[in-house]
Amino acid sequence: METLKSKIFHFATQTLGFDDCRFTTPELSDALVIYKEWLDHGYHGEMDYLKKHFKFKENPELLLGGVKSAIVLIKNYRNTLEPKINTRTKLARYAVGKDYHFVIGEKLKELENFIKNQNADIKCYAGVDSRPIAERSLALKAGIGFLGKNSMVIRPGLGSYFFIGVVLTTHTFEPDDVLKWDCGSCRLCIDACPTQAINNDSTLNAVKCISYQTIERKDPLSADEIKQAKGWLFGCDICQEVCPYNTTAPLTNWKEFLPESGIGFDFFEKRKLEIIPKDSAVYRSRARIIQNHKLANELI
């Protein structure tokens, strides 16, 4: 007899098209100790919302009373076979298609509805990284992948170019096993980072990270930072580009994440930056992008 867990897995992977669907318990005591130390070091920079989110990650009951399990889903967004982006000014691969918050969010709603249709008593709380869910830690605990030295979740055969979605539920599911794997002696990502943002303990100093500087920080880049960013104006994929696990990763099969469905890789070269689609990941950072782009054109 097919279990509810197997029904959810098949619906998520076969009907919705996620690359994997795994189950775990929501408690994260060990991971949260490391996360608290990361916050205490100030590695989060101006991302004050991460401090505000901590209590929800520490106690998911605040998000969903009676929570028993977490369903973790991933979707590959790799949208170019070239190992490196070679445009003069660059934006991260995840941002060239439609905003994943909208795309993944809609899929999670469909999964929620499916679960409730199977059992109306089950309550759910779903989201991606914009909600106070410890999605990376839950992905590691569920066996989605292992923690890379660049702090990304890496999955053998898929690499690290994937989004993570989580559905917290009040139903108890049998948890899946953790994936026991690591990067070994490889440190290509650490050595390749031009701002030395990657620590030696698989954590990231976001203040130094180009992605943080071009997306999260309130102030535009300085002239020195523009030069150091090597053309990256929204996000950065350097630590992922050099990762051996990404060299053979497949292309995404979701058209929403392809460049032709969004703003494309040539956005900074050919588009009018004042006209930024609201369903793109760059929309919320449009003011700083325009300033950074203007300075980059003067310096690069």
C-alpha atoms as a PDB file:
ATOM      1  CA  MET A   1       0.000   0.000   0.000  1.00  0.00           C
ATOM      2  CA  GLU A   2       1.315   3.429  -0.975  1.00  0.00           C
ATOM      3  CA  THR A   3       2.086   5.632   2.001  1.00  0.00           C
ATOM      4  CA  LEU A   4       1.349   9.345   2.302  1.00  0.00           C
ATOM      5  CA  LYS A   5       5.091   9.981   2.204  1.00  0.00           C
ATOM      6  CA  SER A   6       5.496   8.137  -1.096  1.00  0.00           C
ATOM      7  CA  LYS A   7       2.436   9.897  -2.555  1.00  0.00           C
ATOM      8  CA  ILE A   8       3.902  13.296  -1.672  1.00  0.00           C
ATOM      9  CA  PHE A   9       7.293  12.297  -3.077  1.00  0.00           C
ATOM     10  CA  HIS A  10       5.808  11.191  -6.398  1.00  0.00           C
ATOM     11  CA  PHE A  11       3.558  14.249  -6.708  1.00  0.00           C
ATOM     12  CA  ALA A  12       6.440  16.596  -5.916  1.00  0.00           C
ATOM     13  CA  THR A  13       8.935  14.971  -8.295  1.00  0.00           C
ATOM     14  CA  GLN A  14       6.733  13.589 -11.069  1.00  0.00           C
ATOM     15  CA  THR A  15       3.835  16.061 -11.252  1.00  0.00           C
ATOM     16  CA  LEU A  16       5.454  19.274 -10.021  1.00  0.00           C
ATOM     17  CA  GLY A  17       8.910  18.470 -11.361  1.00  0.00           C
ATOM     18  CA  PHE A  18      11.120  19.028  -8.322  1.00  0.00           C
ATOM     19  CA  ASP A  19      14.478  17.267  -8.502  1.00  0.00           C
ATOM     20  CA  ASP A  20      14.107  15.713  -5.073  1.00  0.00           C
ATOM     21  CA  CYS A  21      11.758  15.637  -2.104  1.00  0.00           C
ATOM     22  CA  ARG A  22      13.028  14.489   1.260  1.00  0.00           C
ATOM     23  CA  PHE A  23      11.740  14.450   4.808  1.00  0.00           C
ATOM     24  CA  THR A  24      13.225  15.301   8.183  1.00  0.00           C
ATOM     25  CA  THR A  25      12.375  16.529  11.663  1.00  0.00           C
ATOM     26  CA  PRO A  26      12.327  20.312  12.208  1.00  0.00           C
ATOM     27  CA  GLU A  27      14.698  20.467  15.215  1.00  0.00           C
ATOM     28  CA  LEU A  28      18.109  21.985  14.419  1.00  0.00           C
ATOM     29  CA  SER A  29      19.907  22.386  17.737  1.00  0.00           C
ATOM     30  CA  ASP A  30      23.485  21.695  16.525  1.00  0.00           C
ATOM     31  CA  ALA A  31      23.170  23.722  13.323  1.00  0.00           C
ATOM     32  CA  LEU A  32      21.659  26.655  15.188  1.00  0.00           C
ATOM     33  CA  VAL A  33      24.647  26.848  17.546  1.00  0.00           C
ATOM     34  CA  ILE A  34      26.862  27.436  14.511  1.00  0.00           C
ATOM     35  CA  TYR A  35      24.345  29.859  13.042  1.00  0.00           C
ATOM     36  CA  LYS A  36      24.192  31.855  16.303  1.00  0.00           C
ATOM     37  CA  GLU A  37      28.006  32.092  16.348  1.00  0.00           C
ATOM     38  CA  TRP A  38      27.881  33.307  12.728  1.00  0.00           C
ATOM     39  CA  LEU A  39      25.463  36.058  13.701  1.00  0.00           C
ATOM     40  CA  ASP A  40      27.520  36.983  16.765  1.00  0.00           C
ATOM     41  CA  HIS A  41      30.595  37.448  14.542  1.00  0.00           C
ATOM     42  CA  GLY A  42      28.611  39.988  12.501  1.00  0.00           C
ATOM     43  CA  TYR A  43      29.059  37.985   9.308  1.00  0.00           C
ATOM     44  CA  HIS A  44      25.462  38.819   8.333  1.00  0.00           C
ATOM     45  CA  GLY A  45      26.314  42.496   7.817  1.00  0.00           C
ATOM     46  CA  GLU A  46      23.236  44.665   7.313  1.00  0.00           C
ATOM     47  CA  MET A  47      20.909  41.688   6.992  1.00  0.00           C
ATOM     48  CA  ASP A  48      19.248  42.421  10.330  1.00  0.00           C
ATOM     49  CA  TYR A  49      16.249  40.331   9.344  1.00  0.00           C
ATOM     50  CA  LEU A  50      18.392  37.229   9.888  1.00  0.00           C
ATOM     51  CA  LYS A  51      18.661  38.085  13.573  1.00  0.00           C
ATOM     52  CA  LYS A  52      14.907  38.616  13.738  1.00  0.00           C
ATOM     53  CA  HIS A  53      14.372  35.260  11.998  1.00  0.00           C
ATOM     54  CA  PHE A  54      16.538  33.358  14.474  1.00  0.00           C
ATOM     55  CA  LYS A  55      13.783  32.763  17.043  1.00  0.00           C
ATOM     56  CA  PHE A  56      11.577  31.181  14.350  1.00  0.00           C
ATOM     57  CA  LYS A  57      14.376  28.916  13.157  1.00  0.00           C
ATOM     58  CA  GLU A  58      15.123  27.984  16.753  1.00  0.00           C
ATOM     59  CA  ASN A  59      11.460  27.278  17.491  1.00  0.00           C
ATOM     60  CA  PRO A  60       9.435  26.454  14.342  1.00  0.00           C
ATOM     61  CA  GLU A  61       6.372  26.110  16.584  1.00  0.00           C
ATOM     62  CA  LEU A  62       6.175  29.893  16.246  1.00  0.00           C
ATOM     63  CA  LEU A  63       5.537  29.379  12.531  1.00  0.00           C
ATOM     64  CA  LEU A  64       3.325  26.319  12.747  1.00  0.00           C
ATOM     65  CA  GLY A  65       1.852  25.080  15.994  1.00  0.00           C
ATOM     66  CA  GLY A  66       2.201  21.318  16.373  1.00  0.00           C
ATOM     67  CA  VAL A  67       4.891  21.056  13.672  1.00  0.00           C
ATOM     68  CA  LYS A  68       6.270  17.534  13.392  1.00  0.00           C
ATOM     69  CA  SER A  69       8.087  17.267  10.068  1.00  0.00           C
ATOM     70  CA  ALA A  70       9.780  19.269   7.337  1.00  0.00           C
ATOM     71  CA  ILE A  71       9.497  18.374   3.660  1.00  0.00           C
ATOM     72  CA  VAL A  72      12.498  19.689   1.725  1.00  0.00           C
ATOM     73  CA  LEU A  73      12.369  20.164  -2.041  1.00  0.00           C
ATOM     74  CA  ILE A  74      14.987  21.303  -4.530  1.00  0.00           C
ATOM     75  CA  LYS A  75      14.976  22.523  -8.130  1.00  0.00           C
ATOM     76  CA  ASN A  76      17.991  22.882 -10.374  1.00  0.00           C
ATOM     77  CA  TYR A  77      18.318  26.312 -12.033  1.00  0.00           C
ATOM     78  CA  ARG A  78      21.510  25.815 -14.046  1.00  0.00           C
ATOM     79  CA  ASN A  79      20.704  27.607 -17.306  1.00  0.00           C
ATOM     80  CA  THR A  80      23.936  27.671 -19.283  1.00  0.00           C
ATOM     81  CA  LEU A  81      26.450  24.980 -20.208  1.00  0.00           C
ATOM     82  CA  GLU A  82      29.346  27.434 -20.150  1.00  0.00           C
ATOM     83  CA  PRO A  83      31.352  26.927 -16.946  1.00  0.00           C
ATOM     84  CA  LYS A  84      31.912  30.674 -16.621  1.00  0.00           C
ATOM     85  CA  ILE A  85      29.808  33.693 -17.523  1.00  0.00           C
ATOM     86  CA  ASN A  86      31.846  35.747 -19.960  1.00  0.00           C
ATOM     87  CA  THR A  87      29.838  38.930 -20.392  1.00  0.00           C
ATOM     88  CA  ARG A  88      31.671  42.118 -19.425  1.00  0.00           C
ATOM     89  CA  THR A  89      29.223  42.841 -16.621  1.00  0.00           C
ATOM     90  CA  LYS A  90      27.549  39.869 -14.972  1.00  0.00           C
ATOM     91  CA  LEU A  91      24.600  38.746 -12.916  1.00  0.00           C
ATOM     92  CA  ALA A  92      24.248  35.408 -11.137  1.00  0.00           C
ATOM     93  CA  ARG A  93      22.649  32.531 -12.996  1.00  0.00           C
ATOM     94  CA  TYR A  94      19.722  32.291 -10.609  1.00  0.00           C
ATOM     95  CA  ALA A  95      18.649  35.849 -11.482  1.00  0.00           C
ATOM     96  CA  VAL A  96      18.429  35.685 -15.283  1.00  0.00           C
ATOM     97  CA  GLY A  97      15.040  33.945 -15.338  1.00  0.00           C
ATOM     98  CA  LYS A  98      11.903  34.721 -13.373  1.00  0.00           C
ATOM     99  CA  ASP A  99      12.163  35.408  -9.646  1.00  0.00           C
ATOM    100  CA  TYR A 100      12.374  32.018  -7.944  1.00  0.00           C
ATOM    101  CA  HIS A 101      10.383  33.290  -4.970  1.00  0.00           C
ATOM    102  CA  PHE A 102       7.320  33.466  -7.219  1.00  0.00           C
ATOM    103  CA  VAL A 103       8.020  30.299  -9.208  1.00  0.00           C
ATOM    104  CA  ILE A 104       8.895  28.019  -6.290  1.00  0.00           C
ATOM    105  CA  GLY A 105       6.223  29.642  -4.136  1.00  0.00           C
ATOM    106  CA  GLU A 106       3.476  28.660  -6.575  1.00  0.00           C
ATOM    107  CA  LYS A 107       4.728  25.071  -6.704  1.00  0.00           C
ATOM    108  CA  LEU A 108       4.782  24.867  -2.913  1.00  0.00           C
ATOM    109  CA  LYS A 109       1.163  26.054  -2.812  1.00  0.00           C
ATOM    110  CA  GLU A 110       0.250  23.216  -5.172  1.00  0.00           C
ATOM    111  CA  LEU A 111       2.022  20.747  -2.912  1.00  0.00           C
ATOM    112  CA  GLU A 112       0.247  22.144   0.156  1.00  0.00           C
ATOM    113  CA  ASN A 113      -3.122  21.700  -1.569  1.00  0.00           C
ATOM    114  CA  PHE A 114      -2.209  18.130  -2.532  1.00  0.00           C
ATOM    115  CA  ILE A 115      -1.284  17.278   1.068  1.00  0.00           C
ATOM    116  CA  LYS A 116      -4.499  18.779   2.430  1.00  0.00           C
ATOM    117  CA  ASN A 117      -6.535  16.880  -0.147  1.00  0.00           C
ATOM    118  CA  GLN A 118      -4.936  13.680   1.126  1.00  0.00           C
ATOM    119  CA  ASN A 119      -5.568  14.555   4.759  1.00  0.00           C
ATOM    120  CA  ALA A 120      -7.542  17.672   5.669  1.00  0.00           C
ATOM    121  CA  ASP A 121      -6.262  17.569   9.258  1.00  0.00           C
ATOM    122  CA  ILE A 122      -2.662  18.273   8.239  1.00  0.00           C
ATOM    123  CA  LYS A 123      -1.586  21.888   8.578  1.00  0.00           C
ATOM    124  CA  CYS A 124       1.297  23.323   6.561  1.00  0.00           C
ATOM    125  CA  TYR A 125       3.633  26.302   6.451  1.00  0.00           C
ATOM    126  CA  ALA A 126       5.698  26.627   3.297  1.00  0.00           C
ATOM    127  CA  GLY A 127       8.333  28.972   1.950  1.00  0.00           C
ATOM    128  CA  VAL A 128      11.737  29.620   0.448  1.00  0.00           C
ATOM    129  CA  ASP A 129      14.558  31.773   1.814  1.00  0.00           C
ATOM    130  CA  SER A 130      12.415  34.911   2.150  1.00  0.00           C
ATOM    131  CA  ARG A 131      10.558  33.261   5.042  1.00  0.00           C
ATOM    132  CA  PRO A 132      12.163  32.557   8.451  1.00  0.00           C
ATOM    133  CA  ILE A 133      12.883  28.900   7.674  1.00  0.00           C
ATOM    134  CA  ALA A 134      16.359  27.356   8.058  1.00  0.00           C
ATOM    135  CA  GLU A 135      16.154  25.892   4.570  1.00  0.00           C
ATOM    136  CA  ARG A 136      19.853  25.026   4.123  1.00  0.00           C
ATOM    137  CA  SER A 137      20.175  23.346   7.503  1.00  0.00           C
ATOM    138  CA  LEU A 138      16.979  21.369   6.905  1.00  0.00           C
ATOM    139  CA  ALA A 139      18.236  20.349   3.454  1.00  0.00           C
ATOM    140  CA  LEU A 140      21.449  19.020   5.000  1.00  0.00           C
ATOM    141  CA  LYS A 141      19.545  17.176   7.711  1.00  0.00           C
ATOM    142  CA  ALA A 142      17.169  15.665   5.143  1.00  0.00           C
ATOM    143  CA  GLY A 143      20.060  14.315   3.065  1.00  0.00           C
ATOM    144  CA  ILE A 144      19.529  16.586   0.066  1.00  0.00           C
ATOM    145  CA  GLY A 145      23.275  17.165  -0.094  1.00  0.00           C
ATOM    146  CA  PHE A 146      26.352  17.965   1.967  1.00  0.00           C
ATOM    147  CA  LEU A 147      27.783  21.246   3.198  1.00  0.00           C
ATOM    148  CA  GLY A 148      30.412  22.605   0.814  1.00  0.00           C
ATOM    149  CA  LYS A 149      33.361  24.703   1.880  1.00  0.00           C
ATOM    150  CA  ASN A 150      31.667  27.695   0.245  1.00  0.00           C
ATOM    151  CA  SER A 151      28.686  27.168   2.623  1.00  0.00           C
ATOM    152  CA  MET A 152      26.479  25.967  -0.245  1.00  0.00           C
ATOM    153  CA  VAL A 153      24.512  22.722  -0.132  1.00  0.00           C
ATOM    154  CA  ILE A 154      26.101  20.463  -2.755  1.00  0.00           C
ATOM    155  CA  ARG A 155      24.448  17.392  -4.219  1.00  0.00           C
ATOM    156  CA  PRO A 156      26.606  14.883  -6.142  1.00  0.00           C
ATOM    157  CA  GLY A 157      25.262  14.672  -9.687  1.00  0.00           C
ATOM    158  CA  LEU A 158      23.444  17.994  -9.432  1.00  0.00           C
ATOM    159  CA  GLY A 159      26.004  20.376  -7.977  1.00  0.00           C
ATOM    160  CA  SER A 160      24.871  23.478  -6.086  1.00  0.00           C
ATOM    161  CA  TYR A 161      22.859  25.406  -8.668  1.00  0.00           C
ATOM    162  CA  PHE A 162      19.481  24.681  -7.080  1.00  0.00           C
ATOM    163  CA  PHE A 163      16.759  26.392  -5.081  1.00  0.00           C
ATOM    164  CA  ILE A 164      15.458  24.992  -1.791  1.00  0.00           C
ATOM    165  CA  GLY A 165      11.834  25.025  -0.722  1.00  0.00           C
ATOM    166  CA  VAL A 166      10.441  23.758   2.583  1.00  0.00           C
ATOM    167  CA  VAL A 167       6.996  22.688   3.740  1.00  0.00           C
ATOM    168  CA  LEU A 168       6.589  22.360   7.502  1.00  0.00           C
ATOM    169  CA  THR A 169       3.732  20.020   8.449  1.00  0.00           C
ATOM    170  CA  THR A 170       1.886  18.826  11.537  1.00  0.00           C
ATOM    171  CA  HIS A 171       2.111  15.232  10.288  1.00  0.00           C
ATOM    172  CA  THR A 172       4.884  12.888  11.409  1.00  0.00           C
ATOM    173  CA  PHE A 173       6.856  11.419   8.518  1.00  0.00           C
ATOM    174  CA  GLU A 174       9.720   8.937   8.714  1.00  0.00           C
ATOM    175  CA  PRO A 175      12.883  11.067   8.332  1.00  0.00           C
ATOM    176  CA  ASP A 176      15.373  10.366   5.566  1.00  0.00           C
ATOM    177  CA  ASP A 177      19.056   9.745   6.184  1.00  0.00           C
ATOM    178  CA  VAL A 178      21.759  12.407   6.181  1.00  0.00           C
ATOM    179  CA  LEU A 179      24.208  12.300   3.257  1.00  0.00           C
ATOM    180  CA  LYS A 180      27.673  11.635   4.678  1.00  0.00           C
ATOM    181  CA  TRP A 181      29.958  13.392   2.201  1.00  0.00           C
ATOM    182  CA  ASP A 182      32.340  16.321   2.092  1.00  0.00           C
ATOM    183  CA  CYS A 183      34.679  18.326  -0.171  1.00  0.00           C
ATOM    184  CA  GLY A 184      37.773  16.428   0.875  1.00  0.00           C
ATOM    185  CA  SER A 185      40.966  18.407   0.303  1.00  0.00           C
ATOM    186  CA  CYS A 186      39.481  20.587  -2.452  1.00  0.00           C
ATOM    187  CA  ARG A 187      39.573  24.321  -1.731  1.00  0.00           C
ATOM    188  CA  LEU A 188      39.056  25.755  -5.198  1.00  0.00           C
ATOM    189  CA  CYS A 189      36.170  27.948  -4.045  1.00  0.00           C
ATOM    190  CA  ILE A 190      38.176  29.425  -1.165  1.00  0.00           C
ATOM    191  CA  ASP A 191      41.124  30.253  -3.406  1.00  0.00           C
ATOM    192  CA  ALA A 192      38.982  31.643  -6.237  1.00  0.00           C
ATOM    193  CA  CYS A 193      36.982  34.146  -4.165  1.00  0.00           C
ATOM    194  CA  PRO A 194      38.421  37.585  -5.044  1.00  0.00           C
ATOM    195  CA  THR A 195      37.279  39.142  -1.753  1.00  0.00           C
ATOM    196  CA  GLN A 196      38.333  36.251   0.536  1.00  0.00           C
ATOM    197  CA  ALA A 197      34.781  35.965   1.831  1.00  0.00           C
ATOM    198  CA  ILE A 198      34.904  32.197   2.420  1.00  0.00           C
ATOM    199  CA  ASN A 199      36.149  31.121   5.826  1.00  0.00           C
ATOM    200  CA  ASN A 200      37.989  27.847   6.447  1.00  0.00           C
ATOM    201  CA  ASP A 201      35.095  26.342   8.429  1.00  0.00           C
ATOM    202  CA  SER A 202      32.446  26.199   5.657  1.00  0.00           C
ATOM    203  CA  THR A 203      31.007  29.556   6.674  1.00  0.00           C
ATOM    204  CA  LEU A 204      30.845  32.796   4.744  1.00  0.00           C
ATOM    205  CA  ASN A 205      31.648  36.347   5.778  1.00  0.00           C
ATOM    206  CA  ALA A 206      28.751  37.967   3.949  1.00  0.00           C
ATOM    207  CA  VAL A 207      30.171  41.454   4.465  1.00  0.00           C
ATOM    208  CA  LYS A 208      33.018  40.549   2.086  1.00  0.00           C
ATOM    209  CA  CYS A 209      30.853  38.549  -0.331  1.00  0.00           C
ATOM    210  CA  ILE A 210      30.167  40.110  -3.753  1.00  0.00           C
ATOM    211  CA  SER A 211      26.621  38.743  -3.701  1.00  0.00           C
ATOM    212  CA  TYR A 212      25.914  40.508  -0.430  1.00  0.00           C
ATOM    213  CA  GLN A 213      27.579  43.725  -1.569  1.00  0.00           C
ATOM    214  CA  THR A 214      25.559  43.868  -4.800  1.00  0.00           C
ATOM    215  CA  ILE A 215      22.189  42.676  -3.461  1.00  0.00           C
ATOM    216  CA  GLU A 216      21.771  43.093   0.278  1.00  0.00           C
ATOM    217  CA  ARG A 217      23.900  46.074   1.210  1.00  0.00           C
ATOM    218  CA  LYS A 218      22.157  49.427   1.138  1.00  0.00           C
ATOM    219  CA  ASP A 219      25.062  51.427  -0.277  1.00  0.00           C
ATOM    220  CA  PRO A 220      26.292  51.059  -3.875  1.00  0.00           C
ATOM    221  CA  LEU A 221      29.752  49.666  -4.577  1.00  0.00           C
ATOM    222  CA  SER A 222      32.833  51.840  -4.245  1.00  0.00           C
ATOM    223  CA  ALA A 223      35.288  52.201  -7.117  1.00  0.00           C
ATOM    224  CA  ASP A 224      37.656  49.693  -5.482  1.00  0.00           C
ATOM    225  CA  GLU A 225      34.814  47.230  -4.919  1.00  0.00           C
ATOM    226  CA  ILE A 226      33.713  47.545  -8.550  1.00  0.00           C
ATOM    227  CA  LYS A 227      37.191  46.535  -9.680  1.00  0.00           C
ATOM    228  CA  GLN A 228      37.413  43.716  -7.138  1.00  0.00           C
ATOM    229  CA  ALA A 229      33.999  42.360  -8.178  1.00  0.00           C
ATOM    230  CA  LYS A 230      35.379  41.463 -11.630  1.00  0.00           C
ATOM    231  CA  GLY A 231      32.239  42.559 -13.465  1.00  0.00           C
ATOM    232  CA  TRP A 232      29.648  41.035 -11.122  1.00  0.00           C
ATOM    233  CA  LEU A 233      26.878  43.589 -10.575  1.00  0.00           C
ATOM    234  CA  PHE A 234      24.130  41.380  -9.153  1.00  0.00           C
ATOM    235  CA  GLY A 235      25.172  38.316  -7.214  1.00  0.00           C
ATOM    236  CA  CYS A 236      28.253  36.240  -7.928  1.00  0.00           C
ATOM    237  CA  ASP A 237      28.805  32.647  -9.080  1.00  0.00           C
ATOM    238  CA  ILE A 238      32.606  32.449  -8.822  1.00  0.00           C
ATOM    239  CA  CYS A 239      32.702  29.921  -5.972  1.00  0.00           C
ATOM    240  CA  GLN A 240      30.154  27.770  -7.820  1.00  0.00           C
ATOM    241  CA  GLU A 241      31.815  28.109 -11.218  1.00  0.00           C
ATOM    242  CA  VAL A 242      35.038  26.548  -9.938  1.00  0.00           C
ATOM    243  CA  CYS A 243      33.306  23.755  -7.984  1.00  0.00           C
ATOM    244  CA  PRO A 244      33.976  20.351  -9.623  1.00  0.00           C
ATOM    245  CA  TYR A 245      30.457  19.195  -8.740  1.00  0.00           C
ATOM    246  CA  ASN A 246      29.005  21.831 -11.061  1.00  0.00           C
ATOM    247  CA  THR A 247      31.022  20.950 -14.159  1.00  0.00           C
ATOM    248  CA  THR A 248      28.723  18.086 -15.167  1.00  0.00           C
ATOM    249  CA  ALA A 249      25.492  19.338 -13.589  1.00  0.00           C
ATOM    250  CA  PRO A 250      22.485  19.108 -15.942  1.00  0.00           C
ATOM    251  CA  LEU A 251      20.591  22.065 -17.332  1.00  0.00           C
ATOM    252  CA  THR A 252      17.290  22.954 -15.693  1.00  0.00           C
ATOM    253  CA  ASN A 253      14.104  21.675 -17.322  1.00  0.00           C
ATOM    254  CA  TRP A 254      11.952  24.481 -15.923  1.00  0.00           C
ATOM    255  CA  LYS A 255      11.541  27.110 -18.609  1.00  0.00           C
ATOM    256  CA  GLU A 256      10.874  29.809 -16.001  1.00  0.00           C
ATOM    257  CA  PHE A 257      14.558  29.762 -15.025  1.00  0.00           C
ATOM    258  CA  LEU A 258      15.896  30.030 -18.586  1.00  0.00           C
ATOM    259  CA  PRO A 259      17.301  33.409 -19.682  1.00  0.00           C
ATOM    260  CA  GLU A 260      14.648  33.848 -22.381  1.00  0.00           C
ATOM    261  CA  SER A 261      11.930  33.691 -19.703  1.00  0.00           C
ATOM    262  CA  GLY A 262      13.440  36.545 -17.732  1.00  0.00           C
ATOM    263  CA  ILE A 263      15.955  39.343 -18.239  1.00  0.00           C
ATOM    264  CA  GLY A 264      18.745  37.219 -19.730  1.00  0.00           C
ATOM    265  CA  PHE A 265      22.513  37.215 -19.372  1.00  0.00           C
ATOM    266  CA  ASP A 266      22.904  40.305 -21.559  1.00  0.00           C
ATOM    267  CA  PHE A 267      20.696  42.428 -19.300  1.00  0.00           C
ATOM    268  CA  PHE A 268      23.458  44.829 -18.274  1.00  0.00           C
ATOM    269  CA  GLU A 269      24.733  45.161 -21.832  1.00  0.00           C
ATOM    270  CA  LYS A 270      21.582  45.641 -23.890  1.00  0.00           C
ATOM    271  CA  ARG A 271      18.600  46.468 -21.670  1.00  0.00           C
ATOM    272  CA  LYS A 272      17.357  49.792 -20.365  1.00  0.00           C
ATOM    273  CA  LEU A 273      17.975  49.409 -16.660  1.00  0.00           C
ATOM    274  CA  GLU A 274      15.203  51.841 -15.774  1.00  0.00           C
ATOM    275  CA  ILE A 275      12.718  49.276 -17.110  1.00  0.00           C
ATOM    276  CA  ILE A 276      13.171  46.263 -14.859  1.00  0.00           C
ATOM    277  CA  PRO A 277      10.400  43.616 -14.817  1.00  0.00           C
ATOM    278  CA  LYS A 278       8.724  43.221 -11.438  1.00  0.00           C
ATOM    279  CA  ASP A 279       8.897  39.420 -11.723  1.00  0.00           C
ATOM    280  CA  SER A 280      12.703  39.440 -11.896  1.00  0.00           C
ATOM    281  CA  ALA A 281      15.041  38.891  -8.952  1.00  0.00           C
ATOM    282  CA  VAL A 282      16.862  42.164  -9.645  1.00  0.00           C
ATOM    283  CA  TYR A 283      13.753  44.348  -9.254  1.00  0.00           C
ATOM    284  CA  ARG A 284      14.124  44.924  -5.512  1.00  0.00           C
ATOM    285  CA  SER A 285      17.725  46.096  -5.962  1.00  0.00           C
ATOM    286  CA  ARG A 286      17.068  48.285  -9.009  1.00  0.00           C
ATOM    287  CA  ALA A 287      18.234  51.594  -7.484  1.00  0.00           C
ATOM    288  CA  ARG A 288      21.667  50.270  -6.485  1.00  0.00           C
ATOM    289  CA  ILE A 289      22.012  48.322  -9.720  1.00  0.00           C
ATOM    290  CA  ILE A 290      21.662  51.500 -11.778  1.00  0.00           C
ATOM    291  CA  GLN A 291      24.329  53.244  -9.675  1.00  0.00           C
ATOM    292  CA  ASN A 292      26.692  50.265  -9.776  1.00  0.00           C
ATOM    293  CA  HIS A 293      26.204  49.877 -13.530  1.00  0.00           C
ATOM    294  CA  LYS A 294      27.006  53.514 -14.190  1.00  0.00           C
ATOM    295  CA  LEU A 295      30.230  53.332 -12.161  1.00  0.00           C
ATOM    296  CA  ALA A 296      31.197  50.001 -13.711  1.00  0.00           C
ATOM    297  CA  ASN A 297      30.912  51.457 -17.198  1.00  0.00           C
ATOM    298  CA  GLU A 298      33.388  54.147 -16.162  1.00  0.00           C
ATOM    299  CA  LEU A 299      35.880  51.753 -14.566  1.00  0.00           C
ATOM    300  CA  ILE A 300      35.765  48.420 -16.378  1.00  0.00           C
END
